[in-house]
Amino acid sequence: MNPADIRAFVRRDRAPVEEEKRAHWAEAYRERGPEETMLAAARMYEYARAVRPDFPTEADLAEDLAHQIAFKKQLMAIARALRASSLDGAASGPKPQRAQEHALPHVRRGE
C-alpha cells in the first residue's frame, strides 16, 4: 500500500458520499417503502453476526441503550420547549377549548 494513497483517502471530502447515501435511501424509501430499509437493516445484522458471532455484546447493548436514552431526553426537551413557546403565544390569543367542549359543544360535563 502506498502511504500517500492512504492519507488521500483519509483526507477526502466525505460530504458528497454522505449526500449520495441520503439520496439513495430517500429514493429507496419513496419507491419501495419502509420494507426496503428494514431489509437492509436485517442484512447488516446478519453480516455483523457472521463477522462477530457474539454481536451484539452486553457492552454493545448498553451503549445502544445509552444513546437511545440520551436521544429520548433531547426529544423530551424539544417537546417541552415547543409546548412552552405555544403557551407563550397563546397568552395573547384566545384560550383553546378542551377537546370535549370543542367536539361536543351541546354536552356539558356533569349533566
N, C-alpha and C. Protein backbone atom coordinates (compact mmCIF):
# COMPACT_ATOMS: atom_id res chain seq x y z
N MET A 1 0.84 -1.18 0.00
CA MET A 1 0.00 0.00 0.00
C MET A 1 0.88 1.24 0.00
N ASN A 2 0.40 2.20 -0.71
CA ASN A 2 1.11 3.46 -0.81
C ASN A 2 0.61 4.39 0.31
N PRO A 3 1.48 4.84 1.21
CA PRO A 3 1.06 5.72 2.30
C PRO A 3 0.38 7.00 1.83
N ALA A 4 0.82 7.54 0.70
CA ALA A 4 0.20 8.76 0.17
C ALA A 4 -1.25 8.49 -0.23
N ASP A 5 -1.52 7.32 -0.78
CA ASP A 5 -2.89 6.96 -1.15
C ASP A 5 -3.78 6.83 0.09
N ILE A 6 -3.23 6.25 1.13
CA ILE A 6 -3.99 6.09 2.38
C ILE A 6 -4.31 7.46 2.96
N ARG A 7 -3.31 8.36 2.99
CA ARG A 7 -3.55 9.71 3.50
C ARG A 7 -4.60 10.43 2.65
N ALA A 8 -4.54 10.28 1.36
CA ALA A 8 -5.52 10.93 0.47
C ALA A 8 -6.92 10.39 0.75
N PHE A 9 -7.03 9.10 0.96
CA PHE A 9 -8.33 8.50 1.27
C PHE A 9 -8.89 9.04 2.58
N VAL A 10 -8.05 9.12 3.59
CA VAL A 10 -8.48 9.59 4.90
C VAL A 10 -8.90 11.07 4.84
N ARG A 11 -8.21 11.85 4.04
CA ARG A 11 -8.47 13.29 3.97
C ARG A 11 -9.55 13.68 2.97
N ARG A 12 -10.08 12.75 2.23
CA ARG A 12 -11.03 13.10 1.18
C ARG A 12 -12.31 13.70 1.77
N ASP A 13 -12.97 14.48 0.95
CA ASP A 13 -14.22 15.11 1.34
C ASP A 13 -15.32 14.05 1.38
N ARG A 14 -15.88 13.83 2.53
CA ARG A 14 -16.90 12.79 2.68
C ARG A 14 -18.31 13.32 2.43
N ALA A 15 -18.49 14.62 2.36
CA ALA A 15 -19.83 15.20 2.19
C ALA A 15 -20.53 14.68 0.93
N PRO A 16 -19.88 14.61 -0.23
CA PRO A 16 -20.57 14.09 -1.41
C PRO A 16 -21.03 12.64 -1.24
N VAL A 17 -20.21 11.83 -0.58
CA VAL A 17 -20.58 10.43 -0.36
C VAL A 17 -21.79 10.35 0.57
N GLU A 18 -21.77 11.14 1.65
CA GLU A 18 -22.89 11.15 2.58
C GLU A 18 -24.17 11.63 1.89
N GLU A 19 -24.06 12.63 1.05
CA GLU A 19 -25.24 13.13 0.33
C GLU A 19 -25.79 12.06 -0.61
N GLU A 20 -24.89 11.34 -1.28
CA GLU A 20 -25.32 10.26 -2.18
C GLU A 20 -26.04 9.16 -1.39
N LYS A 21 -25.54 8.84 -0.21
CA LYS A 21 -26.20 7.83 0.62
C LYS A 21 -27.60 8.29 1.02
N ARG A 22 -27.71 9.54 1.47
CA ARG A 22 -29.03 10.07 1.85
C ARG A 22 -29.99 10.03 0.67
N ALA A 23 -29.51 10.44 -0.49
CA ALA A 23 -30.36 10.44 -1.68
C ALA A 23 -30.78 9.01 -2.04
N HIS A 24 -29.85 8.07 -1.95
CA HIS A 24 -30.17 6.67 -2.28
C HIS A 24 -31.27 6.14 -1.38
N TRP A 25 -31.11 6.33 -0.05
CA TRP A 25 -32.09 5.76 0.88
C TRP A 25 -33.42 6.50 0.84
N ALA A 26 -33.39 7.79 0.54
CA ALA A 26 -34.65 8.53 0.39
C ALA A 26 -35.42 8.00 -0.82
N GLU A 27 -34.71 7.77 -1.91
CA GLU A 27 -35.36 7.23 -3.11
C GLU A 27 -35.86 5.80 -2.86
N ALA A 28 -35.06 4.98 -2.20
CA ALA A 28 -35.47 3.61 -1.90
C ALA A 28 -36.73 3.61 -1.04
N TYR A 29 -36.79 4.50 -0.07
CA TYR A 29 -37.97 4.57 0.81
C TYR A 29 -39.19 5.03 0.03
N ARG A 30 -39.01 6.06 -0.81
CA ARG A 30 -40.14 6.56 -1.61
C ARG A 30 -40.67 5.49 -2.57
N GLU A 31 -39.76 4.79 -3.23
CA GLU A 31 -40.16 3.84 -4.27
C GLU A 31 -40.62 2.49 -3.73
N ARG A 32 -39.97 2.03 -2.65
CA ARG A 32 -40.25 0.67 -2.18
C ARG A 32 -40.76 0.61 -0.75
N GLY A 33 -40.85 1.75 -0.09
CA GLY A 33 -41.42 1.79 1.24
C GLY A 33 -40.45 1.39 2.34
N PRO A 34 -40.95 1.34 3.57
CA PRO A 34 -40.08 1.06 4.72
C PRO A 34 -39.51 -0.36 4.70
N GLU A 35 -40.13 -1.26 3.96
CA GLU A 35 -39.62 -2.63 3.91
C GLU A 35 -38.18 -2.67 3.39
N GLU A 36 -37.87 -1.76 2.48
CA GLU A 36 -36.53 -1.72 1.90
C GLU A 36 -35.48 -1.42 2.97
N THR A 37 -35.76 -0.46 3.81
CA THR A 37 -34.79 -0.12 4.86
C THR A 37 -34.73 -1.21 5.92
N MET A 38 -35.87 -1.84 6.21
CA MET A 38 -35.88 -2.94 7.18
C MET A 38 -35.07 -4.12 6.65
N LEU A 39 -35.20 -4.41 5.37
CA LEU A 39 -34.43 -5.49 4.76
C LEU A 39 -32.93 -5.19 4.82
N ALA A 40 -32.57 -3.95 4.55
CA ALA A 40 -31.15 -3.56 4.62
C ALA A 40 -30.63 -3.72 6.04
N ALA A 41 -31.43 -3.31 7.03
CA ALA A 41 -31.02 -3.45 8.43
C ALA A 41 -30.84 -4.93 8.79
N ALA A 42 -31.74 -5.77 8.32
CA ALA A 42 -31.64 -7.21 8.61
C ALA A 42 -30.38 -7.79 7.98
N ARG A 43 -30.07 -7.36 6.77
CA ARG A 43 -28.86 -7.85 6.11
C ARG A 43 -27.60 -7.39 6.83
N MET A 44 -27.60 -6.15 7.31
CA MET A 44 -26.44 -5.65 8.05
C MET A 44 -26.28 -6.42 9.36
N TYR A 45 -27.39 -6.74 10.01
CA TYR A 45 -27.33 -7.53 11.24
C TYR A 45 -26.76 -8.92 10.96
N GLU A 46 -27.24 -9.55 9.89
CA GLU A 46 -26.73 -10.88 9.52
C GLU A 46 -25.23 -10.83 9.23
N TYR A 47 -24.79 -9.78 8.55
CA TYR A 47 -23.37 -9.64 8.25
C TYR A 47 -22.57 -9.46 9.54
N ALA A 48 -23.07 -8.60 10.43
CA ALA A 48 -22.38 -8.38 11.70
C ALA A 48 -22.26 -9.68 12.49
N ARG A 49 -23.32 -10.47 12.49
CA ARG A 49 -23.28 -11.77 13.21
C ARG A 49 -22.30 -12.73 12.54
N ALA A 50 -22.17 -12.66 11.22
CA ALA A 50 -21.23 -13.54 10.51
C ALA A 50 -19.79 -13.16 10.84
N VAL A 51 -19.53 -11.87 10.95
CA VAL A 51 -18.19 -11.39 11.24
C VAL A 51 -17.87 -11.50 12.72
N ARG A 52 -18.87 -11.22 13.56
CA ARG A 52 -18.71 -11.26 15.02
C ARG A 52 -19.87 -12.04 15.61
N PRO A 53 -19.74 -13.34 15.77
CA PRO A 53 -20.85 -14.16 16.26
C PRO A 53 -21.42 -13.72 17.62
N ASP A 54 -20.62 -13.02 18.41
CA ASP A 54 -21.10 -12.57 19.72
C ASP A 54 -21.88 -11.26 19.64
N PHE A 55 -22.06 -10.71 18.44
CA PHE A 55 -22.77 -9.44 18.27
C PHE A 55 -24.25 -9.62 18.49
N PRO A 56 -24.91 -8.76 19.18
CA PRO A 56 -24.38 -7.65 19.96
C PRO A 56 -23.97 -8.11 21.36
N THR A 57 -22.86 -7.61 21.82
CA THR A 57 -22.40 -7.95 23.17
C THR A 57 -23.19 -7.13 24.19
N GLU A 58 -23.02 -7.48 25.46
CA GLU A 58 -23.66 -6.70 26.52
C GLU A 58 -23.21 -5.24 26.45
N ALA A 59 -21.93 -5.03 26.15
CA ALA A 59 -21.41 -3.66 26.03
C ALA A 59 -22.07 -2.93 24.86
N ASP A 60 -22.25 -3.63 23.73
CA ASP A 60 -22.94 -3.03 22.58
C ASP A 60 -24.36 -2.60 22.96
N LEU A 61 -25.05 -3.50 23.64
CA LEU A 61 -26.43 -3.22 24.04
C LEU A 61 -26.49 -2.06 25.03
N ALA A 62 -25.56 -2.02 25.98
CA ALA A 62 -25.53 -0.93 26.95
C ALA A 62 -25.26 0.41 26.26
N GLU A 63 -24.33 0.41 25.31
CA GLU A 63 -24.02 1.64 24.57
C GLU A 63 -25.23 2.09 23.75
N ASP A 64 -25.89 1.15 23.12
CA ASP A 64 -27.08 1.47 22.33
C ASP A 64 -28.17 2.06 23.22
N LEU A 65 -28.39 1.45 24.37
CA LEU A 65 -29.41 1.95 25.29
C LEU A 65 -29.06 3.36 25.76
N ALA A 66 -27.79 3.61 26.06
CA ALA A 66 -27.37 4.94 26.50
C ALA A 66 -27.66 5.98 25.42
N HIS A 67 -27.41 5.64 24.16
CA HIS A 67 -27.70 6.56 23.06
C HIS A 67 -29.21 6.80 22.94
N GLN A 68 -29.99 5.74 23.09
CA GLN A 68 -31.44 5.89 22.99
C GLN A 68 -31.99 6.76 24.11
N ILE A 69 -31.47 6.58 25.31
CA ILE A 69 -31.92 7.40 26.45
C ILE A 69 -31.55 8.86 26.22
N ALA A 70 -30.34 9.11 25.77
CA ALA A 70 -29.92 10.49 25.50
C ALA A 70 -30.79 11.12 24.42
N PHE A 71 -31.09 10.37 23.38
CA PHE A 71 -31.94 10.87 22.29
C PHE A 71 -33.35 11.17 22.80
N LYS A 72 -33.89 10.27 23.61
CA LYS A 72 -35.22 10.48 24.19
C LYS A 72 -35.25 11.75 25.03
N LYS A 73 -34.19 11.99 25.82
CA LYS A 73 -34.12 13.20 26.63
C LYS A 73 -34.11 14.44 25.74
N GLN A 74 -33.39 14.37 24.62
CA GLN A 74 -33.37 15.51 23.70
C GLN A 74 -34.75 15.75 23.11
N LEU A 75 -35.45 14.68 22.72
CA LEU A 75 -36.79 14.83 22.18
C LEU A 75 -37.75 15.42 23.22
N MET A 76 -37.62 14.97 24.46
CA MET A 76 -38.48 15.49 25.51
C MET A 76 -38.20 16.97 25.76
N ALA A 77 -36.94 17.37 25.71
CA ALA A 77 -36.59 18.78 25.89
C ALA A 77 -37.17 19.64 24.75
N ILE A 78 -37.11 19.11 23.54
CA ILE A 78 -37.69 19.83 22.40
C ILE A 78 -39.20 19.96 22.58
N ALA A 79 -39.85 18.87 22.98
CA ALA A 79 -41.30 18.90 23.18
C ALA A 79 -41.67 19.92 24.25
N ARG A 80 -40.92 19.96 25.35
CA ARG A 80 -41.19 20.94 26.42
C ARG A 80 -41.03 22.35 25.89
N ALA A 81 -39.97 22.59 25.12
CA ALA A 81 -39.73 23.92 24.58
C ALA A 81 -40.84 24.33 23.62
N LEU A 82 -41.30 23.40 22.79
CA LEU A 82 -42.39 23.71 21.86
C LEU A 82 -43.68 23.99 22.60
N ARG A 83 -43.97 23.20 23.64
CA ARG A 83 -45.17 23.45 24.43
C ARG A 83 -45.10 24.81 25.11
N ALA A 84 -43.93 25.12 25.67
CA ALA A 84 -43.76 26.40 26.36
C ALA A 84 -43.93 27.56 25.38
N SER A 85 -43.36 27.43 24.19
CA SER A 85 -43.47 28.52 23.22
C SER A 85 -44.90 28.65 22.70
N SER A 86 -45.62 27.53 22.58
CA SER A 86 -47.01 27.63 22.12
C SER A 86 -47.88 28.21 23.22
N LEU A 87 -47.56 27.93 24.48
CA LEU A 87 -48.32 28.52 25.59
C LEU A 87 -48.04 30.00 25.69
N ASP A 88 -46.80 30.42 25.45
CA ASP A 88 -46.47 31.84 25.46
C ASP A 88 -47.24 32.58 24.38
N GLY A 89 -47.33 31.98 23.21
CA GLY A 89 -48.07 32.61 22.11
C GLY A 89 -49.56 32.62 22.37
N ALA A 90 -50.06 31.63 23.09
CA ALA A 90 -51.49 31.54 23.37
C ALA A 90 -51.92 32.55 24.42
N ALA A 91 -50.98 33.06 25.20
CA ALA A 91 -51.34 34.01 26.26
C ALA A 91 -51.97 35.26 25.68
N SER A 92 -51.55 35.65 24.49
CA SER A 92 -52.11 36.85 23.88
C SER A 92 -53.35 36.57 23.04
N GLY A 93 -53.58 35.32 22.71
CA GLY A 93 -54.73 34.98 21.87
C GLY A 93 -55.83 34.33 22.68
N PRO A 94 -56.86 33.82 21.99
CA PRO A 94 -57.97 33.18 22.70
C PRO A 94 -57.53 31.88 23.36
N LYS A 95 -58.18 31.55 24.46
CA LYS A 95 -57.86 30.32 25.17
C LYS A 95 -58.36 29.13 24.37
N PRO A 96 -57.53 28.07 24.20
CA PRO A 96 -58.02 26.91 23.46
C PRO A 96 -59.07 26.17 24.28
N GLN A 97 -60.08 25.63 23.57
CA GLN A 97 -61.11 24.84 24.24
C GLN A 97 -60.59 23.45 24.51
N ARG A 98 -61.15 22.80 25.50
CA ARG A 98 -60.83 21.40 25.72
C ARG A 98 -61.42 20.59 24.59
N ALA A 99 -60.82 19.47 24.30
CA ALA A 99 -61.27 18.64 23.18
C ALA A 99 -62.74 18.27 23.33
N GLN A 100 -63.17 17.90 24.56
CA GLN A 100 -64.57 17.51 24.76
C GLN A 100 -65.51 18.66 24.47
N GLU A 101 -65.17 19.85 24.94
CA GLU A 101 -66.03 21.01 24.75
C GLU A 101 -66.11 21.37 23.27
N HIS A 102 -64.99 21.23 22.58
CA HIS A 102 -64.97 21.58 21.17
C HIS A 102 -65.73 20.56 20.32
N ALA A 103 -65.50 19.30 20.62
CA ALA A 103 -66.13 18.24 19.81
C ALA A 103 -67.62 18.12 20.10
N LEU A 104 -68.02 18.33 21.34
CA LEU A 104 -69.43 18.17 21.72
C LEU A 104 -69.91 19.43 22.45
N PRO A 105 -70.09 20.53 21.71
CA PRO A 105 -70.44 21.78 22.39
C PRO A 105 -71.81 21.73 23.07
N HIS A 106 -72.71 20.85 22.65
CA HIS A 106 -74.05 20.79 23.22
C HIS A 106 -74.11 19.93 24.50
N VAL A 107 -73.00 19.24 24.82
CA VAL A 107 -72.97 18.39 26.01
C VAL A 107 -72.13 19.08 27.06
N ARG A 108 -72.69 19.27 28.24
CA ARG A 108 -71.95 19.87 29.33
C ARG A 108 -71.52 18.80 30.30
N ARG A 109 -70.33 18.96 30.81
CA ARG A 109 -69.84 17.97 31.77
C ARG A 109 -70.68 17.97 33.04
N GLY A 110 -70.90 16.76 33.55
CA GLY A 110 -71.63 16.61 34.81
C GLY A 110 -73.13 16.59 34.64
N GLU A 111 -73.62 16.72 33.47
CA GLU A 111 -75.08 16.69 33.25
C GLU A 111 -75.53 15.42 32.60
